[in-house]
Amino acid sequence: MSDIKIVVDTSSDIPKEIVDKYDIGVLSFLSVFGDESYVSGTELSNSRFYEMLDRTDAIPTTAQTPYGDMYDYILKQSKEHDSVIYFVISSKGSGQYTTAEMVRKDIIENDNPNAKIYIVDTMKYSLYITAAAVMAAKMAKEGESAENIIEACKKELESWEVFLLVDNLKYLEKGGRINKASAIVGALLDIKPVLSIRGGLIECVDKLRGKKKLFGKLIEKIKTDQRFDDEKKQFMVVQSDDEKGRELAEALKEAFDIEDIYIYGEFGPIVGTHTGPGAAAVIYKIKS
């Protein structure tokens, strides 16, 4: 049976219990506040990130995993395992994929010519990547080849749709996700953009007016989506406000008569820099 190490980065918002259960490796991005850089997930917890975000008027930025750190980690995994599969944040939103490919080539040329390293551009963010990593870990345990795992996981990544609501448009504006004029109008008219992932980028796909019954409106959008897999009824919820996240999860369970949410997580500093505090998203299974 092939020994395959599955790796993600902190843009996946992967919950610790899943990391521990499936022995998934995690590479850390950097979160930058002014002149100070912090390693997300170790030097900077999610709760600490949102505390710092609340205390500053400036919008923090993010930076890729330092080249040397990525090189050392993937080299080590390539020596300890038959293969390494790294599911990377969308190349449309980060240069991490390009860096990972450079690392892969350098390792094979310089330190481990027999290494089998696969870099997968997920074209996704957050729990999408976690779901792919979980599938990959399960398939690896069953003895599937790296090639079969990657093929199946690419289909898995396309088998979900997401609707994301944010509490404040300024983070989207500063991150270039929405223009300044739209942000001002949205704030004045109390319009909430509904965001999704299109072509590897986060884009506005609809707008909701008012602050009341927003989750109910999202649920209605899911119910009327002809792609919704009403047999599986599988959902993931990711949030930067646990109270809102729990409210959304309970609303989904009641609306669709299900017992559990597949994966529940929290936006970390990487995605959270763009969505800000108070964000909540539902990711739902669509028909293949």
Protein backbone atom coordinates (compact mmCIF):
# COMPACT_ATOMS: atom_id res chain seq x y z
CA MET A 1 0.00 0.00 0.00
CA SER A 2 1.32 3.42 -0.97
CA ASP A 3 2.17 5.83 1.85
CA ILE A 4 0.82 9.24 0.84
CA LYS A 5 1.07 12.44 2.87
CA ILE A 6 -1.76 14.94 2.36
CA VAL A 7 -0.87 18.61 2.84
CA VAL A 8 -2.93 21.82 2.83
CA ASP A 9 -2.20 25.37 3.94
CA THR A 10 -3.89 27.66 6.44
CA SER A 11 -6.13 29.13 3.73
CA SER A 12 -8.08 25.85 4.05
CA ASP A 13 -9.38 26.85 7.51
CA ILE A 14 -9.02 23.18 8.38
CA PRO A 15 -10.27 22.39 11.91
CA LYS A 16 -7.66 20.93 14.27
CA GLU A 17 -9.72 17.82 14.92
CA ILE A 18 -9.59 16.97 11.21
CA VAL A 19 -5.83 17.61 11.08
CA ASP A 20 -5.36 15.22 13.99
CA LYS A 21 -7.81 12.57 12.77
CA TYR A 22 -6.34 12.26 9.28
CA ASP A 23 -2.74 13.33 10.00
CA ILE A 24 -2.91 16.14 7.45
CA GLY A 25 0.06 18.45 7.10
CA VAL A 26 -0.50 22.21 7.24
CA LEU A 27 1.72 24.93 5.78
CA SER A 28 1.26 28.37 7.31
CA PHE A 29 0.76 31.69 5.55
CA LEU A 30 1.85 34.92 7.21
CA SER A 31 -0.52 37.57 8.48
CA VAL A 32 0.94 41.07 8.32
CA PHE A 33 -0.16 43.95 10.55
CA GLY A 34 1.88 47.00 9.62
CA ASP A 35 5.55 46.13 10.17
CA GLU A 36 4.81 42.95 12.12
CA SER A 37 4.38 39.51 10.56
CA TYR A 38 2.80 36.54 12.32
CA VAL A 39 2.67 32.88 11.35
CA SER A 40 -1.02 32.01 11.05
CA GLY A 41 -2.09 29.04 13.13
CA THR A 42 0.92 29.12 15.46
CA GLU A 43 2.01 32.67 16.34
CA LEU A 44 -1.43 34.00 15.52
CA SER A 45 -4.60 32.16 16.54
CA ASN A 46 -7.94 32.93 14.92
CA SER A 47 -9.26 34.60 18.08
CA ARG A 48 -6.13 36.75 18.41
CA PHE A 49 -6.38 37.75 14.74
CA TYR A 50 -9.94 39.03 15.16
CA GLU A 51 -8.99 40.87 18.36
CA MET A 52 -6.20 42.66 16.49
CA LEU A 53 -8.48 43.32 13.53
CA ASP A 54 -11.01 44.95 15.83
CA ARG A 55 -8.38 47.25 17.33
CA THR A 56 -6.88 48.61 14.12
CA ASP A 57 -8.20 50.90 11.42
CA ALA A 58 -5.72 49.53 8.90
CA ILE A 59 -6.53 46.37 6.95
CA PRO A 60 -3.88 43.68 7.45
CA THR A 61 -2.36 41.82 4.53
CA THR A 62 -1.26 38.24 3.97
CA ALA A 63 1.99 36.75 2.69
CA GLN A 64 2.90 33.36 1.31
CA THR A 65 4.67 30.66 3.27
CA PRO A 66 8.37 31.62 3.23
CA TYR A 67 10.17 29.69 0.50
CA GLY A 68 12.71 28.09 2.83
CA ASP A 69 10.02 26.94 5.26
CA MET A 70 7.97 25.37 2.47
CA TYR A 71 11.04 23.74 0.95
CA ASP A 72 12.20 22.19 4.22
CA TYR A 73 8.74 20.89 5.09
CA ILE A 74 7.91 19.34 1.71
CA LEU A 75 11.42 17.88 1.40
CA LYS A 76 11.02 16.21 4.80
CA GLN A 77 7.62 14.79 3.87
CA SER A 78 8.93 13.55 0.50
CA LYS A 79 11.66 11.58 2.29
CA GLU A 80 9.33 10.15 4.92
CA HIS A 81 6.50 9.17 2.56
CA ASP A 82 6.16 7.57 -0.86
CA SER A 83 4.24 10.57 -2.21
CA VAL A 84 3.14 14.05 -1.15
CA ILE A 85 -0.06 15.71 -2.39
CA TYR A 86 -0.37 19.41 -1.57
CA PHE A 87 -3.80 21.00 -2.14
CA VAL A 88 -3.07 24.71 -2.62
CA ILE A 89 -5.22 27.83 -2.35
CA SER A 90 -6.47 29.12 -5.72
CA SER A 91 -3.66 30.42 -7.93
CA LYS A 92 -6.01 33.26 -8.92
CA GLY A 93 -5.94 34.61 -5.38
CA SER A 94 -2.38 33.84 -4.28
CA GLY A 95 1.11 33.12 -5.58
CA GLN A 96 1.41 30.12 -3.24
CA TYR A 97 0.80 27.64 -6.07
CA THR A 98 3.64 29.09 -8.17
CA THR A 99 5.97 28.95 -5.17
CA ALA A 100 4.98 25.36 -4.42
CA GLU A 101 5.74 24.33 -8.01
CA MET A 102 9.18 25.97 -7.74
CA VAL A 103 9.78 24.09 -4.48
CA ARG A 104 8.76 20.80 -6.08
CA LYS A 105 11.16 21.26 -8.99
CA ASP A 106 14.04 22.38 -6.77
CA ILE A 107 13.62 19.40 -4.44
CA ILE A 108 13.72 16.94 -7.33
CA GLU A 109 16.71 18.68 -8.94
CA ASN A 110 18.76 19.17 -5.78
CA ASP A 111 17.86 17.01 -2.79
CA ASN A 112 15.49 14.16 -3.63
CA PRO A 113 15.42 13.17 -7.32
CA ASN A 114 13.06 10.26 -6.59
CA ALA A 115 10.49 12.42 -4.81
CA LYS A 116 6.88 12.12 -5.92
CA ILE A 117 5.36 15.50 -5.14
CA TYR A 118 2.02 16.60 -6.55
CA ILE A 119 0.92 20.24 -6.34
CA VAL A 120 -2.83 20.66 -6.91
CA ASP A 121 -4.23 24.09 -7.71
CA THR A 122 -7.66 23.79 -6.10
CA MET A 123 -8.95 27.10 -7.54
CA LYS A 124 -10.86 27.27 -4.23
CA TYR A 125 -10.62 28.57 -0.66
CA SER A 126 -11.44 27.56 2.91
CA LEU A 127 -13.43 24.39 3.64
CA TYR A 128 -13.56 23.44 -0.03
CA ILE A 129 -9.88 22.53 0.37
CA THR A 130 -10.54 20.77 3.67
CA ALA A 131 -13.21 18.59 2.04
CA ALA A 132 -10.78 17.58 -0.71
CA ALA A 133 -8.07 16.80 1.86
CA VAL A 134 -10.45 14.60 3.86
CA MET A 135 -11.42 12.66 0.73
CA ALA A 136 -7.74 12.32 -0.21
CA ALA A 137 -6.77 11.04 3.24
CA LYS A 138 -9.55 8.45 3.19
CA MET A 139 -8.61 7.27 -0.30
CA ALA A 140 -4.92 7.08 0.64
CA LYS A 141 -5.79 4.90 3.62
CA GLU A 142 -7.70 2.60 1.26
CA GLY A 143 -4.60 2.22 -0.91
CA GLU A 144 -5.57 4.36 -3.89
CA SER A 145 -2.81 5.80 -6.06
CA ALA A 146 -1.90 9.48 -5.94
CA GLU A 147 -3.16 9.92 -9.51
CA ASN A 148 -6.57 8.43 -8.69
CA ILE A 149 -6.81 10.51 -5.53
CA ILE A 150 -6.08 13.75 -7.37
CA GLU A 151 -8.60 12.97 -10.11
CA ALA A 152 -11.33 12.20 -7.57
CA CYS A 153 -10.53 15.26 -5.46
CA LYS A 154 -10.70 17.61 -8.43
CA LYS A 155 -14.26 16.38 -8.97
CA GLU A 156 -14.94 16.80 -5.26
CA LEU A 157 -13.81 20.42 -5.39
CA GLU A 158 -16.34 21.10 -8.16
CA SER A 159 -19.17 19.31 -6.36
CA TRP A 160 -19.84 22.17 -3.92
CA GLU A 161 -21.36 25.65 -4.20
CA VAL A 162 -20.95 28.44 -1.65
CA PHE A 163 -22.92 31.48 -0.54
CA LEU A 164 -21.02 33.88 1.68
CA LEU A 165 -22.35 36.89 3.60
CA VAL A 166 -20.05 39.50 5.13
CA ASP A 167 -20.83 41.97 7.88
CA ASN A 168 -18.77 44.89 6.57
CA LEU A 169 -17.98 45.75 2.96
CA LYS A 170 -14.76 47.63 3.75
CA TYR A 171 -12.67 44.45 3.83
CA LEU A 172 -13.91 43.44 0.40
CA GLU A 173 -13.26 46.94 -0.90
CA LYS A 174 -9.71 47.09 0.49
CA GLY A 175 -9.03 43.61 -0.83
CA GLY A 176 -10.19 44.61 -4.29
CA ARG A 177 -13.25 42.33 -4.21
CA ILE A 178 -15.73 45.18 -4.62
CA ASN A 179 -15.20 48.73 -5.83
CA LYS A 180 -15.38 51.71 -3.48
CA ALA A 181 -18.55 53.15 -5.03
CA SER A 182 -20.39 49.84 -4.64
CA ALA A 183 -19.20 49.56 -1.05
CA ILE A 184 -20.53 53.03 -0.20
CA VAL A 185 -23.87 52.41 -1.90
CA GLY A 186 -24.16 49.00 -0.27
CA ALA A 187 -23.59 50.49 3.17
CA LEU A 188 -26.07 53.32 2.62
CA LEU A 189 -28.82 51.12 1.20
CA ASP A 190 -28.14 48.25 3.61
CA ILE A 191 -27.44 45.82 0.79
CA LYS A 192 -25.64 42.58 1.57
CA PRO A 193 -23.65 41.08 -1.31
CA VAL A 194 -23.90 37.33 -1.71
CA LEU A 195 -20.45 36.07 -2.61
CA SER A 196 -19.35 32.85 -4.27
CA ILE A 197 -16.30 31.45 -6.07
CA ARG A 198 -16.10 31.89 -9.82
CA GLY A 199 -13.01 31.06 -11.84
CA GLY A 200 -10.87 30.82 -8.74
CA LEU A 201 -11.86 34.24 -7.41
CA ILE A 202 -14.42 35.41 -4.86
CA GLU A 203 -17.15 37.34 -6.67
CA CYS A 204 -20.54 38.87 -5.97
CA VAL A 205 -23.32 36.70 -7.44
CA ASP A 206 -26.40 38.30 -5.85
CA LYS A 207 -27.52 40.95 -3.37
CA LEU A 208 -29.85 40.82 -0.39
CA ARG A 209 -31.48 43.89 1.13
CA GLY A 210 -31.87 44.41 4.88
CA LYS A 211 -30.46 42.65 7.92
CA LYS A 212 -33.41 40.45 8.85
CA LYS A 213 -33.86 36.79 7.91
CA LEU A 214 -30.69 36.74 5.83
CA PHE A 215 -30.05 33.07 6.52
CA GLY A 216 -33.63 32.24 5.58
CA LYS A 217 -33.09 34.02 2.28
CA LEU A 218 -29.90 32.07 1.67
CA ILE A 219 -31.71 28.82 2.38
CA GLU A 220 -34.40 29.73 -0.12
CA LYS A 221 -31.68 30.38 -2.71
CA ILE A 222 -30.32 26.88 -2.07
CA LYS A 223 -33.75 25.29 -2.34
CA THR A 224 -34.40 26.96 -5.68
CA ASP A 225 -30.96 26.04 -7.07
CA GLN A 226 -31.66 23.23 -9.54
CA ARG A 227 -28.12 21.97 -9.03
CA PHE A 228 -28.69 21.37 -5.30
CA ASP A 229 -28.24 17.69 -4.43
CA ASP A 230 -31.43 17.14 -2.49
CA GLU A 231 -30.60 13.48 -1.95
CA LYS A 232 -27.27 13.97 -0.19
CA LYS A 233 -28.29 17.21 1.61
CA GLN A 234 -24.69 17.80 2.64
CA PHE A 235 -23.52 21.14 4.03
CA MET A 236 -20.43 22.83 5.41
CA VAL A 237 -20.53 26.04 7.44
CA VAL A 238 -17.58 28.39 7.98
CA GLN A 239 -17.75 31.61 9.98
CA SER A 240 -15.87 34.36 11.78
CA ASP A 241 -18.66 34.72 14.36
CA ASP A 242 -19.50 31.47 16.11
CA GLU A 243 -22.93 32.67 17.19
CA LYS A 244 -23.88 33.42 13.58
CA GLY A 245 -22.30 30.18 12.42
CA ARG A 246 -24.26 28.10 14.92
CA GLU A 247 -27.45 29.95 13.96
CA LEU A 248 -26.83 29.18 10.29
CA ALA A 249 -26.03 25.53 11.03
CA GLU A 250 -29.22 25.08 13.05
CA ALA A 251 -31.29 26.80 10.37
CA LEU A 252 -29.90 24.40 7.75
CA LYS A 253 -30.58 21.35 9.90
CA GLU A 254 -34.16 22.44 10.49
CA ALA A 255 -34.85 23.50 6.89
CA PHE A 256 -33.48 20.31 5.35
CA ASP A 257 -34.31 17.86 8.15
CA ILE A 258 -30.73 16.70 8.67
CA GLU A 259 -28.88 15.77 11.84
CA ASP A 260 -25.37 17.04 11.21
CA ILE A 261 -23.31 19.57 9.31
CA TYR A 262 -20.54 17.77 7.38
CA ILE A 263 -17.77 20.17 8.39
CA TYR A 264 -18.04 23.23 10.66
CA GLY A 265 -15.12 25.64 10.70
CA GLU A 266 -13.88 29.17 11.30
CA PHE A 267 -12.37 31.66 8.86
CA GLY A 268 -8.72 32.06 9.80
CA PRO A 269 -6.50 35.08 9.11
CA ILE A 270 -5.99 34.31 5.41
CA VAL A 271 -9.58 34.32 4.21
CA GLY A 272 -10.67 36.41 7.19
CA THR A 273 -8.50 39.33 6.02
CA HIS A 274 -10.87 39.70 3.06
CA THR A 275 -14.18 38.75 4.67
CA GLY A 276 -13.66 40.52 8.00
CA PRO A 277 -15.43 39.80 11.30
CA GLY A 278 -19.06 38.67 11.32
CA ALA A 279 -18.87 36.67 8.08
CA ALA A 280 -20.70 33.39 7.57
CA ALA A 281 -20.89 31.01 4.63
CA VAL A 282 -22.83 27.91 3.70
CA ILE A 283 -21.21 25.46 1.31
CA TYR A 284 -23.62 22.91 -0.13
CA LYS A 285 -23.35 19.81 -2.27
CA ILE A 286 -24.51 20.08 -5.86
CA LYS A 287 -25.33 17.34 -8.36
CA SER A 288 -22.40 16.02 -10.36
